[in-house]
Amino acid sequence: KLAERMCEDLDAAGYVFCGGNIMASNDQLRIPLSD
């Protein structure tokens, strides 16, 4: 929820969603240090 809220607000501000899905809202980019 935290990642989705941040990414949505950034998009609204003009930092549009990444076409390659390189965003914290992507489950694969929201992982522990060891991963």
PDB file of all heavy atoms in Angstrom:
ATOM      1  N   LYS A   1       0.833  -1.215   0.000  1.00  0.00           N
ATOM      2  CA  LYS A   1       0.000   0.000   0.000  1.00  0.00           C
ATOM      3  C   LYS A   1       0.864   1.261   0.000  1.00  0.00           C
ATOM      4  O   LYS A   1       0.545   2.246  -0.672  1.00  0.00           O
ATOM      5  CB  LYS A   1      -0.919  -0.009   1.222  1.00  0.00           C
ATOM      6  CG  LYS A   1      -2.042  -1.036   1.143  1.00  0.00           C
ATOM      7  CD  LYS A   1      -2.898  -0.993   2.414  1.00  0.00           C
ATOM      8  CE  LYS A   1      -4.036  -2.006   2.333  1.00  0.00           C
ATOM      9  NZ  LYS A   1      -4.844  -2.032   3.583  1.00  0.00           N
ATOM     10  N   LEU A   2       1.951   1.237   0.773  1.00  0.00           N
ATOM     11  CA  LEU A   2       2.843   2.389   0.857  1.00  0.00           C
ATOM     12  C   LEU A   2       3.440   2.692  -0.520  1.00  0.00           C
ATOM     13  O   LEU A   2       3.458   3.855  -0.966  1.00  0.00           O
ATOM     14  CB  LEU A   2       3.959   2.118   1.861  1.00  0.00           C
ATOM     15  CG  LEU A   2       4.938   3.256   2.143  1.00  0.00           C
ATOM     16  CD1 LEU A   2       4.233   4.398   2.879  1.00  0.00           C
ATOM     17  CD2 LEU A   2       6.132   2.759   2.958  1.00  0.00           C
ATOM     18  N   ALA A   3       3.910   1.657  -1.201  1.00  0.00           N
ATOM     19  CA  ALA A   3       4.532   1.829  -2.519  1.00  0.00           C
ATOM     20  C   ALA A   3       3.518   2.313  -3.542  1.00  0.00           C
ATOM     21  O   ALA A   3       3.800   3.212  -4.349  1.00  0.00           O
ATOM     22  CB  ALA A   3       5.162   0.515  -2.971  1.00  0.00           C
ATOM     23  N   GLU A   4       2.342   1.714  -3.532  1.00  0.00           N
ATOM     24  CA  GLU A   4       1.322   2.111  -4.508  1.00  0.00           C
ATOM     25  C   GLU A   4       0.901   3.557  -4.311  1.00  0.00           C
ATOM     26  O   GLU A   4       0.720   4.306  -5.280  1.00  0.00           O
ATOM     27  CB  GLU A   4       0.114   1.175  -4.409  1.00  0.00           C
ATOM     28  CG  GLU A   4       0.398  -0.228  -4.943  1.00  0.00           C
ATOM     29  CD  GLU A   4      -0.759  -1.188  -4.741  1.00  0.00           C
ATOM     30  OE1 GLU A   4      -1.685  -0.831  -3.953  1.00  0.00           O
ATOM     31  OE2 GLU A   4      -0.753  -2.276  -5.344  1.00  0.00           O
ATOM     32  N   ARG A   5       0.747   3.968  -3.041  1.00  0.00           N
ATOM     33  CA  ARG A   5       0.356   5.339  -2.765  1.00  0.00           C
ATOM     34  C   ARG A   5       1.438   6.308  -3.254  1.00  0.00           C
ATOM     35  O   ARG A   5       1.147   7.324  -3.893  1.00  0.00           O
ATOM     36  CB  ARG A   5       0.130   5.516  -1.260  1.00  0.00           C
ATOM     37  CG  ARG A   5      -0.210   6.944  -0.824  1.00  0.00           C
ATOM     38  CD  ARG A   5      -1.535   7.399  -1.428  1.00  0.00           C
ATOM     39  NE  ARG A   5      -2.587   6.458  -1.139  1.00  0.00           N
ATOM     40  CZ  ARG A   5      -3.268   6.411   0.015  1.00  0.00           C
ATOM     41  NH1 ARG A   5      -2.990   7.271   0.986  1.00  0.00           N
ATOM     42  NH2 ARG A   5      -4.225   5.529   0.191  1.00  0.00           N
ATOM     43  N   MET A   6       2.714   6.012  -2.952  1.00  0.00           N
ATOM     44  CA  MET A   6       3.801   6.882  -3.383  1.00  0.00           C
ATOM     45  C   MET A   6       3.862   6.983  -4.903  1.00  0.00           C
ATOM     46  O   MET A   6       3.960   8.091  -5.461  1.00  0.00           O
ATOM     47  CB  MET A   6       5.144   6.363  -2.856  1.00  0.00           C
ATOM     48  CG  MET A   6       6.338   7.206  -3.280  1.00  0.00           C
ATOM     49  SD  MET A   6       7.945   6.401  -3.016  1.00  0.00           S
ATOM     50  CE  MET A   6       7.911   5.130  -4.297  1.00  0.00           C
ATOM     51  N   CYS A   7       3.794   5.861  -5.596  1.00  0.00           N
ATOM     52  CA  CYS A   7       3.915   5.860  -7.057  1.00  0.00           C
ATOM     53  C   CYS A   7       2.746   6.587  -7.723  1.00  0.00           C
ATOM     54  O   CYS A   7       2.928   7.302  -8.719  1.00  0.00           O
ATOM     55  CB  CYS A   7       4.031   4.423  -7.579  1.00  0.00           C
ATOM     56  SG  CYS A   7       5.568   3.593  -7.093  1.00  0.00           S
ATOM     57  N   GLU A   8       1.544   6.409  -7.185  1.00  0.00           N
ATOM     58  CA  GLU A   8       0.374   7.105  -7.735  1.00  0.00           C
ATOM     59  C   GLU A   8       0.497   8.614  -7.551  1.00  0.00           C
ATOM     60  O   GLU A   8       0.182   9.393  -8.459  1.00  0.00           O
ATOM     61  CB  GLU A   8      -0.905   6.589  -7.067  1.00  0.00           C
ATOM     62  CG  GLU A   8      -1.290   5.182  -7.494  1.00  0.00           C
ATOM     63  CD  GLU A   8      -2.382   4.588  -6.623  1.00  0.00           C
ATOM     64  OE1 GLU A   8      -2.887   5.308  -5.727  1.00  0.00           O
ATOM     65  OE2 GLU A   8      -2.741   3.415  -6.837  1.00  0.00           O
ATOM     66  N   ASP A   9       0.965   9.033  -6.382  1.00  0.00           N
ATOM     67  CA  ASP A   9       1.115  10.468  -6.116  1.00  0.00           C
ATOM     68  C   ASP A   9       2.236  11.065  -6.973  1.00  0.00           C
ATOM     69  O   ASP A   9       2.125  12.200  -7.456  1.00  0.00           O
ATOM     70  CB  ASP A   9       1.398  10.710  -4.632  1.00  0.00           C
ATOM     71  CG  ASP A   9       0.183  10.442  -3.755  1.00  0.00           C
ATOM     72  OD1 ASP A   9      -0.942  10.400  -4.297  1.00  0.00           O
ATOM     73  OD2 ASP A   9       0.365  10.264  -2.530  1.00  0.00           O
ATOM     74  N   LEU A  10       3.326  10.318  -7.177  1.00  0.00           N
ATOM     75  CA  LEU A  10       4.400  10.791  -8.045  1.00  0.00           C
ATOM     76  C   LEU A  10       3.907  10.966  -9.477  1.00  0.00           C
ATOM     77  O   LEU A  10       4.242  11.943 -10.152  1.00  0.00           O
ATOM     78  CB  LEU A  10       5.584   9.809  -8.020  1.00  0.00           C
ATOM     79  CG  LEU A  10       6.477   9.834  -6.783  1.00  0.00           C
ATOM     80  CD1 LEU A  10       7.431   8.646  -6.776  1.00  0.00           C
ATOM     81  CD2 LEU A  10       7.272  11.143  -6.702  1.00  0.00           C
ATOM     82  N   ASP A  11       3.090  10.020  -9.935  1.00  0.00           N
ATOM     83  CA  ASP A  11       2.526  10.117 -11.281  1.00  0.00           C
ATOM     84  C   ASP A  11       1.657  11.364 -11.412  1.00  0.00           C
ATOM     85  O   ASP A  11       1.725  12.091 -12.409  1.00  0.00           O
ATOM     86  CB  ASP A  11       1.708   8.863 -11.587  1.00  0.00           C
ATOM     87  CG  ASP A  11       1.083   8.902 -12.978  1.00  0.00           C
ATOM     88  OD1 ASP A  11       1.839   8.794 -13.966  1.00  0.00           O
ATOM     89  OD2 ASP A  11      -0.158   9.059 -13.065  1.00  0.00           O
ATOM     90  N   ALA A  12       0.850  11.631 -10.387  1.00  0.00           N
ATOM     91  CA  ALA A  12      -0.012  12.822 -10.393  1.00  0.00           C
ATOM     92  C   ALA A  12       0.819  14.102 -10.409  1.00  0.00           C
ATOM     93  O   ALA A  12       0.395  15.127 -10.970  1.00  0.00           O
ATOM     94  CB  ALA A  12      -0.930  12.805  -9.176  1.00  0.00           C
ATOM     95  N   ALA A  13       2.013  14.053  -9.809  1.00  0.00           N
ATOM     96  CA  ALA A  13       2.876  15.228  -9.748  1.00  0.00           C
ATOM     97  C   ALA A  13       3.636  15.465 -11.051  1.00  0.00           C
ATOM     98  O   ALA A  13       4.220  16.533 -11.244  1.00  0.00           O
ATOM     99  CB  ALA A  13       3.872  15.083  -8.597  1.00  0.00           C
ATOM    100  N   GLY A  14       3.645  14.477 -11.944  1.00  0.00           N
ATOM    101  CA  GLY A  14       4.355  14.637 -13.213  1.00  0.00           C
ATOM    102  C   GLY A  14       5.481  13.653 -13.431  1.00  0.00           C
ATOM    103  O   GLY A  14       6.033  13.567 -14.524  1.00  0.00           O
ATOM    104  N   TYR A  15       5.835  12.878 -12.393  1.00  0.00           N
ATOM    105  CA  TYR A  15       6.826  11.809 -12.547  1.00  0.00           C
ATOM    106  C   TYR A  15       6.050  10.571 -12.959  1.00  0.00           C
ATOM    107  O   TYR A  15       5.656   9.752 -12.124  1.00  0.00           O
ATOM    108  CB  TYR A  15       7.595  11.589 -11.243  1.00  0.00           C
ATOM    109  CG  TYR A  15       8.353  12.810 -10.780  1.00  0.00           C
ATOM    110  CD1 TYR A  15       7.884  13.591  -9.719  1.00  0.00           C
ATOM    111  CD2 TYR A  15       9.519  13.211 -11.418  1.00  0.00           C
ATOM    112  CE1 TYR A  15       8.568  14.726  -9.301  1.00  0.00           C
ATOM    113  CE2 TYR A  15      10.216  14.345 -11.009  1.00  0.00           C
ATOM    114  CZ  TYR A  15       9.728  15.101  -9.954  1.00  0.00           C
ATOM    115  OH  TYR A  15      10.409  16.224  -9.553  1.00  0.00           O
ATOM    116  N   VAL A  16       5.822  10.449 -14.251  1.00  0.00           N
ATOM    117  CA  VAL A  16       4.879   9.454 -14.767  1.00  0.00           C
ATOM    118  C   VAL A  16       5.340   8.035 -14.469  1.00  0.00           C
ATOM    119  O   VAL A  16       6.528   7.772 -14.258  1.00  0.00           O
ATOM    120  CB  VAL A  16       4.663   9.635 -16.283  1.00  0.00           C
ATOM    121  CG1 VAL A  16       4.046  10.990 -16.568  1.00  0.00           C
ATOM    122  CG2 VAL A  16       5.979   9.474 -17.045  1.00  0.00           C
ATOM    123  N   PHE A  17       4.373   7.110 -14.473  1.00  0.00           N
ATOM    124  CA  PHE A  17       4.683   5.703 -14.248  1.00  0.00           C
ATOM    125  C   PHE A  17       5.738   5.239 -15.242  1.00  0.00           C
ATOM    126  O   PHE A  17       5.689   5.576 -16.428  1.00  0.00           O
ATOM    127  CB  PHE A  17       3.433   4.842 -14.403  1.00  0.00           C
ATOM    128  CG  PHE A  17       2.399   5.044 -13.327  1.00  0.00           C
ATOM    129  CD1 PHE A  17       1.082   5.319 -13.659  1.00  0.00           C
ATOM    130  CD2 PHE A  17       2.743   4.952 -11.989  1.00  0.00           C
ATOM    131  CE1 PHE A  17       0.129   5.499 -12.671  1.00  0.00           C
ATOM    132  CE2 PHE A  17       1.798   5.132 -10.995  1.00  0.00           C
ATOM    133  CZ  PHE A  17       0.483   5.408 -11.334  1.00  0.00           C
ATOM    134  N   CYS A  18       6.679   4.461 -14.762  1.00  0.00           N
ATOM    135  CA  CYS A  18       7.745   3.921 -15.609  1.00  0.00           C
ATOM    136  C   CYS A  18       7.175   2.880 -16.565  1.00  0.00           C
ATOM    137  O   CYS A  18       6.506   1.932 -16.133  1.00  0.00           O
ATOM    138  CB  CYS A  18       8.840   3.302 -14.743  1.00  0.00           C
ATOM    139  SG  CYS A  18      10.119   2.441 -15.670  1.00  0.00           S
ATOM    140  N   GLY A  19       7.470   3.038 -17.858  1.00  0.00           N
ATOM    141  CA  GLY A  19       6.981   2.082 -18.843  1.00  0.00           C
ATOM    142  C   GLY A  19       7.543   0.691 -18.642  1.00  0.00           C
ATOM    143  O   GLY A  19       6.916  -0.303 -19.023  1.00  0.00           O
ATOM    144  N   GLY A  20       8.719   0.613 -18.036  1.00  0.00           N
ATOM    145  CA  GLY A  20       9.337  -0.683 -17.771  1.00  0.00           C
ATOM    146  C   GLY A  20       8.980  -1.247 -16.408  1.00  0.00           C
ATOM    147  O   GLY A  20       9.548  -2.258 -15.980  1.00  0.00           O
ATOM    148  N   ASN A  21       8.053  -0.582 -15.709  1.00  0.00           N
ATOM    149  CA  ASN A  21       7.575  -1.017 -14.387  1.00  0.00           C
ATOM    150  C   ASN A  21       8.689  -1.062 -13.343  1.00  0.00           C
ATOM    151  O   ASN A  21       8.685  -1.902 -12.432  1.00  0.00           O
ATOM    152  CB  ASN A  21       6.890  -2.389 -14.486  1.00  0.00           C
ATOM    153  CG  ASN A  21       5.943  -2.635 -13.309  1.00  0.00           C
ATOM    154  OD1 ASN A  21       5.496  -1.705 -12.644  1.00  0.00           O
ATOM    155  ND2 ASN A  21       5.659  -3.898 -13.041  1.00  0.00           N
ATOM    156  N   ILE A  22       9.661  -0.160 -13.471  1.00  0.00           N
ATOM    157  CA  ILE A  22      10.727  -0.063 -12.468  1.00  0.00           C
ATOM    158  C   ILE A  22      10.240   0.873 -11.372  1.00  0.00           C
ATOM    159  O   ILE A  22      10.596   2.061 -11.316  1.00  0.00           O
ATOM    160  CB  ILE A  22      12.043   0.418 -13.102  1.00  0.00           C
ATOM    161  CG1 ILE A  22      12.464  -0.545 -14.214  1.00  0.00           C
ATOM    162  CG2 ILE A  22      13.161   0.497 -12.050  1.00  0.00           C
ATOM    163  CD1 ILE A  22      13.679  -0.096 -14.999  1.00  0.00           C
ATOM    164  N   MET A  23       9.405   0.326 -10.506  1.00  0.00           N
ATOM    165  CA  MET A  23       8.780   1.104  -9.439  1.00  0.00           C
ATOM    166  C   MET A  23       8.588   0.210  -8.218  1.00  0.00           C
ATOM    167  O   MET A  23       8.443  -1.011  -8.342  1.00  0.00           O
ATOM    168  CB  MET A  23       7.431   1.656  -9.896  1.00  0.00           C
ATOM    169  CG  MET A  23       7.511   2.622 -11.069  1.00  0.00           C
ATOM    170  SD  MET A  23       5.886   3.213 -11.599  1.00  0.00           S
ATOM    171  CE  MET A  23       5.199   1.719 -12.327  1.00  0.00           C
ATOM    172  N   ALA A  24       8.549   0.827  -7.062  1.00  0.00           N
ATOM    173  CA  ALA A  24       8.373   0.074  -5.819  1.00  0.00           C
ATOM    174  C   ALA A  24       7.040  -0.646  -5.765  1.00  0.00           C
ATOM    175  O   ALA A  24       6.877  -1.592  -4.994  1.00  0.00           O
ATOM    176  CB  ALA A  24       8.513   1.021  -4.621  1.00  0.00           C
ATOM    177  N   SER A  25       6.084  -0.223  -6.577  1.00  0.00           N
ATOM    178  CA  SER A  25       4.786  -0.906  -6.633  1.00  0.00           C
ATOM    179  C   SER A  25       4.895  -2.275  -7.300  1.00  0.00           C
ATOM    180  O   SER A  25       3.986  -3.102  -7.196  1.00  0.00           O
ATOM    181  CB  SER A  25       3.766  -0.042  -7.384  1.00  0.00           C
ATOM    182  OG  SER A  25       4.257   0.324  -8.668  1.00  0.00           O
ATOM    183  N   ASN A  26       6.009  -2.533  -7.980  1.00  0.00           N
ATOM    184  CA  ASN A  26       6.296  -3.841  -8.564  1.00  0.00           C
ATOM    185  C   ASN A  26       6.814  -4.761  -7.453  1.00  0.00           C
ATOM    186  O   ASN A  26       7.819  -4.451  -6.809  1.00  0.00           O
ATOM    187  CB  ASN A  26       7.349  -3.666  -9.669  1.00  0.00           C
ATOM    188  CG  ASN A  26       7.747  -4.982 -10.326  1.00  0.00           C
ATOM    189  OD1 ASN A  26       7.460  -6.067  -9.829  1.00  0.00           O
ATOM    190  ND2 ASN A  26       8.441  -4.869 -11.448  1.00  0.00           N
ATOM    191  N   ASP A  27       6.140  -5.877  -7.210  1.00  0.00           N
ATOM    192  CA  ASP A  27       6.502  -6.779  -6.103  1.00  0.00           C
ATOM    193  C   ASP A  27       7.968  -7.193  -6.147  1.00  0.00           C
ATOM    194  O   ASP A  27       8.599  -7.406  -5.100  1.00  0.00           O
ATOM    195  CB  ASP A  27       5.628  -8.038  -6.135  1.00  0.00           C
ATOM    196  CG  ASP A  27       4.164  -7.741  -5.837  1.00  0.00           C
ATOM    197  OD1 ASP A  27       3.882  -6.628  -5.359  1.00  0.00           O
ATOM    198  OD2 ASP A  27       3.309  -8.613  -6.098  1.00  0.00           O
ATOM    199  N   GLN A  28       8.548  -7.304  -7.343  1.00  0.00           N
ATOM    200  CA  GLN A  28       9.931  -7.764  -7.485  1.00  0.00           C
ATOM    201  C   GLN A  28      10.951  -6.686  -7.114  1.00  0.00           C
ATOM    202  O   GLN A  28      12.143  -6.983  -6.963  1.00  0.00           O
ATOM    203  CB  GLN A  28      10.181  -8.224  -8.934  1.00  0.00           C
ATOM    204  CG  GLN A  28       9.353  -9.446  -9.308  1.00  0.00           C
ATOM    205  CD  GLN A  28       9.583  -9.863 -10.749  1.00  0.00           C
ATOM    206  OE1 GLN A  28       9.994  -9.062 -11.589  1.00  0.00           O
ATOM    207  NE2 GLN A  28       9.325 -11.119 -11.048  1.00  0.00           N
ATOM    208  N   LEU A  29      10.489  -5.454  -6.969  1.00  0.00           N
ATOM    209  CA  LEU A  29      11.390  -4.350  -6.607  1.00  0.00           C
ATOM    210  C   LEU A  29      11.081  -3.826  -5.215  1.00  0.00           C
ATOM    211  O   LEU A  29      11.488  -2.716  -4.852  1.00  0.00           O
ATOM    212  CB  LEU A  29      11.284  -3.218  -7.635  1.00  0.00           C
ATOM    213  CG  LEU A  29      11.590  -3.604  -9.087  1.00  0.00           C
ATOM    214  CD1 LEU A  29      11.504  -2.392  -9.999  1.00  0.00           C
ATOM    215  CD2 LEU A  29      12.971  -4.250  -9.199  1.00  0.00           C
ATOM    216  N   ARG A  30      10.410  -4.627  -4.436  1.00  0.00           N
ATOM    217  CA  ARG A  30      10.059  -4.292  -3.051  1.00  0.00           C
ATOM    218  C   ARG A  30      10.393  -5.517  -2.207  1.00  0.00           C
ATOM    219  O   ARG A  30       9.533  -6.283  -1.791  1.00  0.00           O
ATOM    220  CB  ARG A  30       8.569  -3.939  -2.987  1.00  0.00           C
ATOM    221  CG  ARG A  30       8.100  -3.280  -1.731  1.00  0.00           C
ATOM    222  CD  ARG A  30       6.617  -2.924  -1.807  1.00  0.00           C
ATOM    223  NE  ARG A  30       5.740  -4.092  -1.932  1.00  0.00           N
ATOM    224  CZ  ARG A  30       5.097  -4.437  -3.038  1.00  0.00           C
ATOM    225  NH1 ARG A  30       5.193  -3.701  -4.124  1.00  0.00           N
ATOM    226  NH2 ARG A  30       4.334  -5.525  -3.063  1.00  0.00           N
ATOM    227  N   ILE A  31      11.708  -5.708  -1.991  1.00  0.00           N
ATOM    228  CA  ILE A  31      12.180  -6.963  -1.415  1.00  0.00           C
ATOM    229  C   ILE A  31      13.252  -6.695  -0.357  1.00  0.00           C
ATOM    230  O   ILE A  31      13.846  -5.614  -0.311  1.00  0.00           O
ATOM    231  CB  ILE A  31      12.756  -7.887  -2.517  1.00  0.00           C
ATOM    232  CG1 ILE A  31      13.839  -7.155  -3.329  1.00  0.00           C
ATOM    233  CG2 ILE A  31      11.649  -8.394  -3.437  1.00  0.00           C
ATOM    234  CD1 ILE A  31      14.490  -8.009  -4.410  1.00  0.00           C
ATOM    235  N   PRO A  32      13.522  -7.702   0.489  1.00  0.00           N
ATOM    236  CA  PRO A  32      14.545  -7.543   1.528  1.00  0.00           C
ATOM    237  C   PRO A  32      15.952  -7.391   0.940  1.00  0.00           C
ATOM    238  O   PRO A  32      16.214  -7.762  -0.212  1.00  0.00           O
ATOM    239  CB  PRO A  32      14.428  -8.835   2.345  1.00  0.00           C
ATOM    240  CG  PRO A  32      13.056  -9.344   2.077  1.00  0.00           C
ATOM    241  CD  PRO A  32      12.766  -8.963   0.655  1.00  0.00           C
ATOM    242  N   LEU A  33      16.854  -6.898   1.763  1.00  0.00           N
ATOM    243  CA  LEU A  33      18.242  -6.688   1.356  1.00  0.00           C
ATOM    244  C   LEU A  33      18.874  -7.956   0.808  1.00  0.00           C
ATOM    245  O   LEU A  33      19.544  -7.935  -0.232  1.00  0.00           O
ATOM    246  CB  LEU A  33      19.048  -6.161   2.553  1.00  0.00           C
ATOM    247  CG  LEU A  33      20.562  -6.029   2.369  1.00  0.00           C
ATOM    248  CD1 LEU A  33      20.886  -5.041   1.256  1.00  0.00           C
ATOM    249  CD2 LEU A  33      21.225  -5.599   3.686  1.00  0.00           C
ATOM    250  N   SER A  34      18.669  -9.070   1.489  1.00  0.00           N
ATOM    251  CA  SER A  34      19.285 -10.329   1.049  1.00  0.00           C
ATOM    252  C   SER A  34      18.798 -10.728  -0.341  1.00  0.00           C
ATOM    253  O   SER A  34      19.568 -11.275  -1.148  1.00  0.00           O
ATOM    254  CB  SER A  34      18.985 -11.448   2.053  1.00  0.00           C
ATOM    255  OG  SER A  34      17.589 -11.600   2.233  1.00  0.00           O
ATOM    256  N   ASP A  35      17.524 -10.441  -0.657  1.00  0.00           N
ATOM    257  CA  ASP A  35      17.000 -10.768  -1.983  1.00  0.00           C
ATOM    258  C   ASP A  35      17.547  -9.828  -3.056  1.00  0.00           C
ATOM    259  O   ASP A  35      17.780 -10.244  -4.195  1.00  0.00           O
ATOM    260  CB  ASP A  35      15.471 -10.723  -1.975  1.00  0.00           C
ATOM    261  CG  ASP A  35      14.863 -11.888  -1.200  1.00  0.00           C
ATOM    262  OD1 ASP A  35      15.579 -12.886  -0.983  1.00  0.00           O
ATOM    263  OD2 ASP A  35      13.688 -11.798  -0.806  1.00  0.00           O
TER     264      ASP A  35
END
